[in-house]
N, C-alpha and C. Protein backbone atom coordinates (compact mmCIF):
# COMPACT_ATOMS: atom_id res chain seq x y z
N MET A 1 44.36 -148.81 8.39
CA MET A 1 44.13 -147.76 7.71
C MET A 1 45.23 -147.46 6.76
N ALA A 2 45.43 -146.98 5.38
CA ALA A 2 46.27 -146.90 4.48
C ALA A 2 47.02 -145.55 4.40
N TYR A 3 46.44 -144.82 5.36
CA TYR A 3 47.04 -143.78 5.31
C TYR A 3 46.63 -142.65 6.63
N SER A 4 47.39 -141.68 7.35
CA SER A 4 46.83 -140.76 8.67
C SER A 4 47.21 -139.43 8.01
N LYS A 5 46.38 -138.77 8.69
CA LYS A 5 46.64 -137.04 8.05
C LYS A 5 46.15 -136.29 9.69
N VAL A 6 47.15 -135.35 9.86
CA VAL A 6 46.86 -134.37 10.44
C VAL A 6 47.53 -133.04 10.33
N ASN A 7 46.70 -132.21 10.57
CA ASN A 7 47.34 -130.35 10.87
C ASN A 7 47.94 -130.38 11.72
N VAL A 8 49.14 -129.84 11.71
CA VAL A 8 50.07 -129.15 12.69
C VAL A 8 50.11 -128.42 13.68
N HIS A 9 48.79 -127.48 12.94
CA HIS A 9 48.20 -126.64 14.02
C HIS A 9 46.91 -127.54 14.78
N ASP A 10 46.97 -128.57 14.75
CA ASP A 10 45.80 -129.52 15.44
C ASP A 10 46.52 -130.08 16.36
N ILE A 11 47.40 -129.92 16.48
CA ILE A 11 48.12 -130.98 17.65
C ILE A 11 49.29 -130.11 18.74
N GLU A 12 48.54 -130.59 19.65
CA GLU A 12 49.01 -129.35 21.04
C GLU A 12 50.36 -129.61 21.21
N PRO A 13 51.34 -128.36 20.74
CA PRO A 13 52.22 -127.96 21.50
C PRO A 13 52.82 -128.74 23.17
N GLY A 14 54.16 -128.84 22.58
CA GLY A 14 54.73 -129.40 23.79
C GLY A 14 56.27 -129.37 24.31
N GLY A 15 56.76 -130.21 24.50
CA GLY A 15 58.17 -129.98 24.68
C GLY A 15 58.61 -128.64 25.22
N PRO A 16 60.02 -128.95 25.42
CA PRO A 16 60.67 -127.40 26.66
C PRO A 16 59.59 -125.77 25.84
N GLY A 17 59.31 -125.12 26.53
CA GLY A 17 58.99 -124.02 25.97
C GLY A 17 57.40 -124.30 24.79
N GLY A 18 56.75 -126.01 24.53
CA GLY A 18 55.86 -125.48 23.81
C GLY A 18 56.35 -125.11 22.55
N ALA A 19 57.46 -125.51 21.98
CA ALA A 19 58.13 -125.43 20.87
C ALA A 19 57.92 -126.82 19.96
N VAL A 20 57.33 -127.48 20.48
CA VAL A 20 57.52 -129.13 19.61
C VAL A 20 55.93 -129.25 19.78
N ARG A 21 55.56 -129.95 17.99
CA ARG A 21 54.76 -130.37 17.61
C ARG A 21 54.45 -131.93 17.40
N PHE A 22 54.58 -132.86 18.17
CA PHE A 22 55.16 -134.17 17.79
C PHE A 22 54.11 -135.04 16.78
N VAL A 23 54.47 -134.55 15.80
CA VAL A 23 53.72 -135.12 14.66
C VAL A 23 54.17 -136.94 14.21
N ARG A 24 55.41 -137.49 14.73
CA ARG A 24 55.22 -138.85 14.76
C ARG A 24 54.06 -139.47 15.61
N ARG A 25 53.93 -139.11 16.57
CA ARG A 25 53.23 -139.53 17.72
C ARG A 25 51.66 -139.34 16.66
N GLU A 26 51.15 -138.22 16.70
CA GLU A 26 50.21 -138.20 15.84
C GLU A 26 49.60 -138.58 14.54
N LEU A 27 50.73 -139.46 13.91
CA LEU A 27 50.19 -139.63 12.81
C LEU A 27 51.22 -141.42 12.84
N GLY A 28 51.16 -141.82 14.09
CA GLY A 28 51.17 -143.36 13.99
C GLY A 28 52.68 -143.32 13.23
N VAL A 29 53.38 -142.88 13.03
CA VAL A 29 54.45 -143.01 12.53
C VAL A 29 55.48 -144.31 13.25
N GLU A 30 56.22 -145.23 12.33
CA GLU A 30 57.20 -146.13 13.75
C GLU A 30 58.46 -146.40 12.89
N ALA A 31 58.69 -146.12 11.62
CA ALA A 31 59.77 -146.35 10.13
C ALA A 31 60.54 -145.25 10.48
N PHE A 32 60.58 -144.05 11.28
CA PHE A 32 60.90 -142.78 11.42
C PHE A 32 60.81 -142.08 12.50
N GLY A 33 61.42 -140.44 13.49
CA GLY A 33 60.92 -139.60 13.68
C GLY A 33 60.34 -139.05 13.05
N ILE A 34 59.51 -137.97 13.04
CA ILE A 34 59.30 -136.61 12.52
C ILE A 34 58.38 -135.63 13.75
N ASN A 35 59.22 -134.46 13.64
CA ASN A 35 58.42 -133.63 14.62
C ASN A 35 58.78 -132.12 13.96
N TRP A 36 57.92 -131.54 14.11
CA TRP A 36 57.76 -129.57 14.12
C TRP A 36 58.01 -128.96 15.26
N PHE A 37 59.03 -128.07 14.59
CA PHE A 37 59.31 -127.36 15.46
C PHE A 37 58.95 -125.77 15.67
N GLU A 38 58.68 -124.60 16.31
CA GLU A 38 58.14 -123.95 16.23
C GLU A 38 58.33 -122.80 17.24
N LEU A 39 60.49 -121.89 17.10
CA LEU A 39 61.18 -121.49 18.25
C LEU A 39 59.84 -119.85 17.88
N PRO A 40 60.32 -119.25 19.51
CA PRO A 40 59.79 -118.00 19.16
C PRO A 40 61.13 -117.10 19.00
N PRO A 41 61.04 -115.73 18.45
CA PRO A 41 61.91 -114.54 18.23
C PRO A 41 62.97 -115.00 19.26
N ASN A 42 64.70 -114.92 19.33
CA ASN A 42 65.77 -115.05 20.04
C ASN A 42 65.77 -116.00 21.10
N PHE A 43 65.01 -117.61 20.64
CA PHE A 43 64.85 -118.31 21.77
C PHE A 43 66.30 -119.35 21.00
N GLY A 44 66.47 -119.58 22.31
CA GLY A 44 67.69 -120.81 22.42
C GLY A 44 66.56 -122.73 22.37
N GLY A 45 67.07 -123.33 21.35
CA GLY A 45 66.69 -124.44 21.69
C GLY A 45 67.64 -125.31 22.57
N ARG A 46 66.76 -126.75 22.69
CA ARG A 46 67.99 -127.75 23.56
C ARG A 46 69.38 -128.17 22.73
N VAL A 47 70.14 -128.10 22.92
CA VAL A 47 71.67 -128.43 22.66
C VAL A 47 72.05 -129.76 22.78
N HIS A 48 71.86 -130.56 21.65
CA HIS A 48 71.44 -131.99 21.90
C HIS A 48 72.56 -132.53 20.97
N ASP A 49 72.85 -134.17 21.10
CA ASP A 49 73.05 -135.25 20.02
C ASP A 49 72.28 -136.44 19.95
N GLU A 50 72.35 -137.21 19.00
CA GLU A 50 71.71 -138.92 19.07
C GLU A 50 72.19 -139.83 18.87
N ARG A 51 73.43 -139.62 19.92
CA ARG A 51 74.61 -140.51 19.89
C ARG A 51 73.50 -142.21 20.82
N GLU A 52 72.97 -141.93 21.30
CA GLU A 52 71.98 -143.28 22.26
C GLU A 52 70.97 -143.76 21.62
N SER A 53 70.38 -142.53 20.65
CA SER A 53 69.14 -143.38 20.06
C SER A 53 70.42 -143.68 18.15
N GLY A 54 71.38 -143.22 17.78
CA GLY A 54 71.80 -143.74 16.76
C GLY A 54 71.04 -143.13 15.95
N GLN A 55 70.23 -142.18 15.86
CA GLN A 55 69.87 -141.79 14.94
C GLN A 55 70.75 -140.65 13.80
N GLU A 56 70.73 -140.90 12.49
CA GLU A 56 70.85 -139.97 11.57
C GLU A 56 69.60 -138.71 11.55
N GLU A 57 70.34 -137.40 11.65
CA GLU A 57 69.03 -136.57 11.59
C GLU A 57 68.78 -135.22 10.07
N VAL A 58 67.74 -135.21 10.26
CA VAL A 58 67.67 -133.39 9.11
C VAL A 58 66.80 -132.37 9.44
N ASN A 59 67.28 -131.56 9.39
CA ASN A 59 66.16 -130.25 9.84
C ASN A 59 65.88 -129.46 8.17
N VAL A 60 64.65 -129.10 8.38
CA VAL A 60 64.07 -129.03 7.11
C VAL A 60 63.54 -127.14 7.93
N ILE A 61 64.37 -126.15 7.51
CA ILE A 61 63.60 -124.59 7.68
C ILE A 61 62.95 -123.78 7.34
N VAL A 62 61.62 -124.11 7.38
CA VAL A 62 60.44 -123.84 6.64
C VAL A 62 59.92 -122.53 7.09
N HIS A 63 60.98 -121.95 7.84
CA HIS A 63 60.20 -120.48 7.91
C HIS A 63 60.78 -119.95 8.82
N GLY A 64 61.16 -118.18 8.99
CA GLY A 64 62.57 -118.10 9.60
C GLY A 64 63.58 -117.63 9.09
N SER A 65 64.90 -117.53 10.56
CA SER A 65 65.88 -117.75 10.13
C SER A 65 66.99 -117.70 12.11
N GLY A 66 67.96 -118.07 11.68
CA GLY A 66 68.18 -117.92 12.85
C GLY A 66 70.40 -118.75 12.73
N THR A 67 70.52 -119.40 13.73
CA THR A 67 71.88 -119.77 13.85
C THR A 67 71.57 -121.69 14.53
N TYR A 68 72.25 -121.95 13.96
CA TYR A 68 72.57 -123.55 15.06
C TYR A 68 73.93 -123.60 15.10
N ALA A 69 74.29 -124.03 16.33
CA ALA A 69 75.59 -124.48 16.96
C ALA A 69 75.89 -125.90 16.69
N ILE A 70 77.08 -126.25 16.09
CA ILE A 70 77.14 -127.22 15.78
C ILE A 70 78.29 -127.53 15.92
N ASP A 71 79.13 -128.66 16.74
CA ASP A 71 80.06 -129.08 17.09
C ASP A 71 80.57 -127.83 17.29
N GLY A 72 80.08 -126.49 18.33
CA GLY A 72 80.97 -125.20 18.52
C GLY A 72 80.43 -123.88 17.50
N GLU A 73 80.15 -124.71 16.38
CA GLU A 73 80.75 -123.63 15.10
C GLU A 73 79.08 -123.20 15.17
N ASP A 74 78.82 -121.66 14.89
CA ASP A 74 77.68 -120.96 14.56
C ASP A 74 77.56 -121.32 13.16
N VAL A 75 76.27 -121.80 12.61
CA VAL A 75 75.74 -122.08 11.15
C VAL A 75 74.81 -121.34 10.95
N ALA A 76 74.63 -120.19 10.26
CA ALA A 76 73.59 -119.49 9.71
C ALA A 76 72.36 -120.51 8.74
N VAL A 77 71.20 -120.37 9.41
CA VAL A 77 70.20 -121.10 8.53
C VAL A 77 69.32 -119.64 8.13
N ARG A 78 68.10 -120.26 7.15
CA ARG A 78 67.30 -119.37 6.63
C ARG A 78 66.26 -120.52 5.42
N GLU A 79 64.92 -119.92 5.78
CA GLU A 79 64.12 -120.91 4.90
C GLU A 79 64.29 -121.26 3.91
N GLY A 80 64.14 -122.95 3.47
CA GLY A 80 64.45 -123.45 2.43
C GLY A 80 66.08 -124.02 2.45
N ASP A 81 66.80 -123.84 4.04
CA ASP A 81 68.03 -124.75 4.04
C ASP A 81 67.61 -126.08 4.62
N VAL A 82 68.33 -126.85 4.20
CA VAL A 82 68.14 -128.48 4.99
C VAL A 82 69.35 -128.96 5.22
N LEU A 83 69.77 -129.47 6.36
CA LEU A 83 70.57 -129.51 7.26
C LEU A 83 70.79 -130.92 7.51
N ARG A 84 71.46 -131.92 7.71
CA ARG A 84 71.93 -133.20 8.24
C ARG A 84 72.96 -133.35 9.14
N PHE A 85 72.17 -133.94 10.40
CA PHE A 85 73.61 -134.40 11.11
C PHE A 85 73.88 -135.58 11.82
N ASP A 86 75.36 -136.40 11.87
CA ASP A 86 75.65 -137.55 12.15
C ASP A 86 74.90 -137.62 13.52
N PRO A 87 75.10 -139.08 13.95
CA PRO A 87 74.33 -139.07 15.42
C PRO A 87 75.16 -138.61 16.65
N GLU A 88 76.13 -138.55 16.30
CA GLU A 88 77.57 -137.79 17.54
C GLU A 88 77.51 -136.37 17.24
N THR A 89 77.18 -135.73 15.87
CA THR A 89 76.88 -133.83 16.15
C THR A 89 76.60 -133.64 17.21
N THR A 90 76.95 -133.20 17.60
CA THR A 90 75.61 -131.84 19.02
C THR A 90 75.73 -130.96 17.97
N ARG A 91 74.03 -130.20 18.02
CA ARG A 91 73.60 -128.93 17.58
C ARG A 91 72.91 -128.82 18.42
N GLY A 92 72.05 -127.32 17.90
CA GLY A 92 71.48 -126.54 18.55
C GLY A 92 70.49 -125.38 18.44
N PRO A 93 69.62 -125.07 17.52
CA PRO A 93 69.40 -124.02 17.31
C PRO A 93 69.03 -122.72 17.75
N THR A 94 68.81 -122.08 17.45
CA THR A 94 68.36 -120.58 18.26
C THR A 94 68.23 -119.69 17.13
N SER A 95 66.93 -119.02 17.16
CA SER A 95 66.09 -118.35 16.69
C SER A 95 66.65 -116.66 16.26
N GLY A 96 66.20 -116.97 15.46
CA GLY A 96 66.45 -114.68 15.16
C GLY A 96 65.55 -114.04 15.24
N PRO A 97 64.89 -112.78 15.12
CA PRO A 97 64.69 -111.86 15.05
C PRO A 97 62.52 -112.18 14.75
N ASP A 98 62.64 -113.01 14.34
CA ASP A 98 61.41 -113.49 13.19
C ASP A 98 61.03 -115.41 13.71
N GLY A 99 61.43 -115.90 14.26
CA GLY A 99 61.43 -116.61 15.42
C GLY A 99 61.69 -118.15 14.14
N LEU A 100 61.87 -119.10 14.40
CA LEU A 100 62.44 -120.11 13.72
C LEU A 100 61.64 -121.38 13.39
N THR A 101 60.59 -121.86 12.27
CA THR A 101 60.18 -123.10 12.37
C THR A 101 60.86 -123.76 11.30
N PHE A 102 60.69 -125.06 12.33
CA PHE A 102 61.70 -126.37 11.57
C PHE A 102 61.06 -127.34 11.39
N VAL A 103 61.13 -128.63 10.61
CA VAL A 103 61.09 -130.13 10.68
C VAL A 103 61.69 -130.80 10.74
N ALA A 104 62.00 -131.78 11.98
CA ALA A 104 63.27 -132.50 11.65
C ALA A 104 62.39 -133.93 11.94
N VAL A 105 63.81 -134.66 10.90
CA VAL A 105 63.30 -135.69 10.40
C VAL A 105 64.36 -136.64 11.10
N GLY A 106 64.06 -138.16 11.52
CA GLY A 106 65.31 -138.78 12.14
C GLY A 106 65.21 -140.20 11.92
N ALA A 107 66.07 -141.34 11.94
CA ALA A 107 65.82 -142.66 12.13
C ALA A 107 67.38 -142.95 11.80
N ARG A 108 67.57 -144.53 12.74
CA ARG A 108 68.72 -144.89 12.43
C ARG A 108 69.33 -145.20 11.42
N ARG A 109 70.79 -145.17 11.74
CA ARG A 109 71.49 -145.33 10.28
C ARG A 109 71.49 -146.80 9.51
N GLY A 110 71.26 -147.12 7.99
CA GLY A 110 70.88 -148.60 7.74
C GLY A 110 69.72 -148.69 7.61
N SER A 111 68.88 -148.26 7.98
CA SER A 111 67.18 -148.42 8.24
C SER A 111 66.75 -148.01 6.99
N TYR A 112 67.49 -147.43 5.80
CA TYR A 112 66.84 -146.82 4.42
C TYR A 112 67.62 -147.33 3.95
N GLU A 113 66.98 -148.17 2.25
CA GLU A 113 67.49 -148.86 1.61
C GLU A 113 66.87 -148.41 0.73
N PRO A 114 67.90 -147.85 -0.63
CA PRO A 114 67.84 -146.88 -1.31
C PRO A 114 67.32 -147.70 -2.72
N ARG A 115 65.98 -147.61 -3.42
CA ARG A 115 65.34 -148.15 -4.52
C ARG A 115 66.02 -147.10 -5.79
N GLY A 116 66.28 -147.73 -6.39
CA GLY A 116 66.07 -147.32 -8.17
C GLY A 116 67.29 -145.82 -7.82
N HIS A 117 67.21 -145.27 -8.70
CA HIS A 117 68.39 -143.84 -8.74
C HIS A 117 67.81 -142.85 -7.90
N PHE A 118 66.65 -142.64 -7.56
CA PHE A 118 65.56 -142.13 -6.55
C PHE A 118 67.12 -141.46 -5.45
């Protein structure tokens, strides 16, 4: 098949507190990880790093607001913010009063080869 499609709301919630929708698995993506997270209001997400996997990660805030604990520093986030993390960077989201929805994309460093000026 040349493409795959899924609506995030059709994916069964999983992970801690049912906050994760495993998009990569549903789409059959093999080149990078991608998941959808919906944290309820005032909820602390998992603090972690990606040392073991070696993945560089990007989180795109699509709804709500909150903070990320990044290597011990609290960083405010809101809809439209995009964060990039080195694999060894410790991070953990905490949602604000309206919750926090974000997409996390990750891949091992060096797996992407830039093409052209884009």
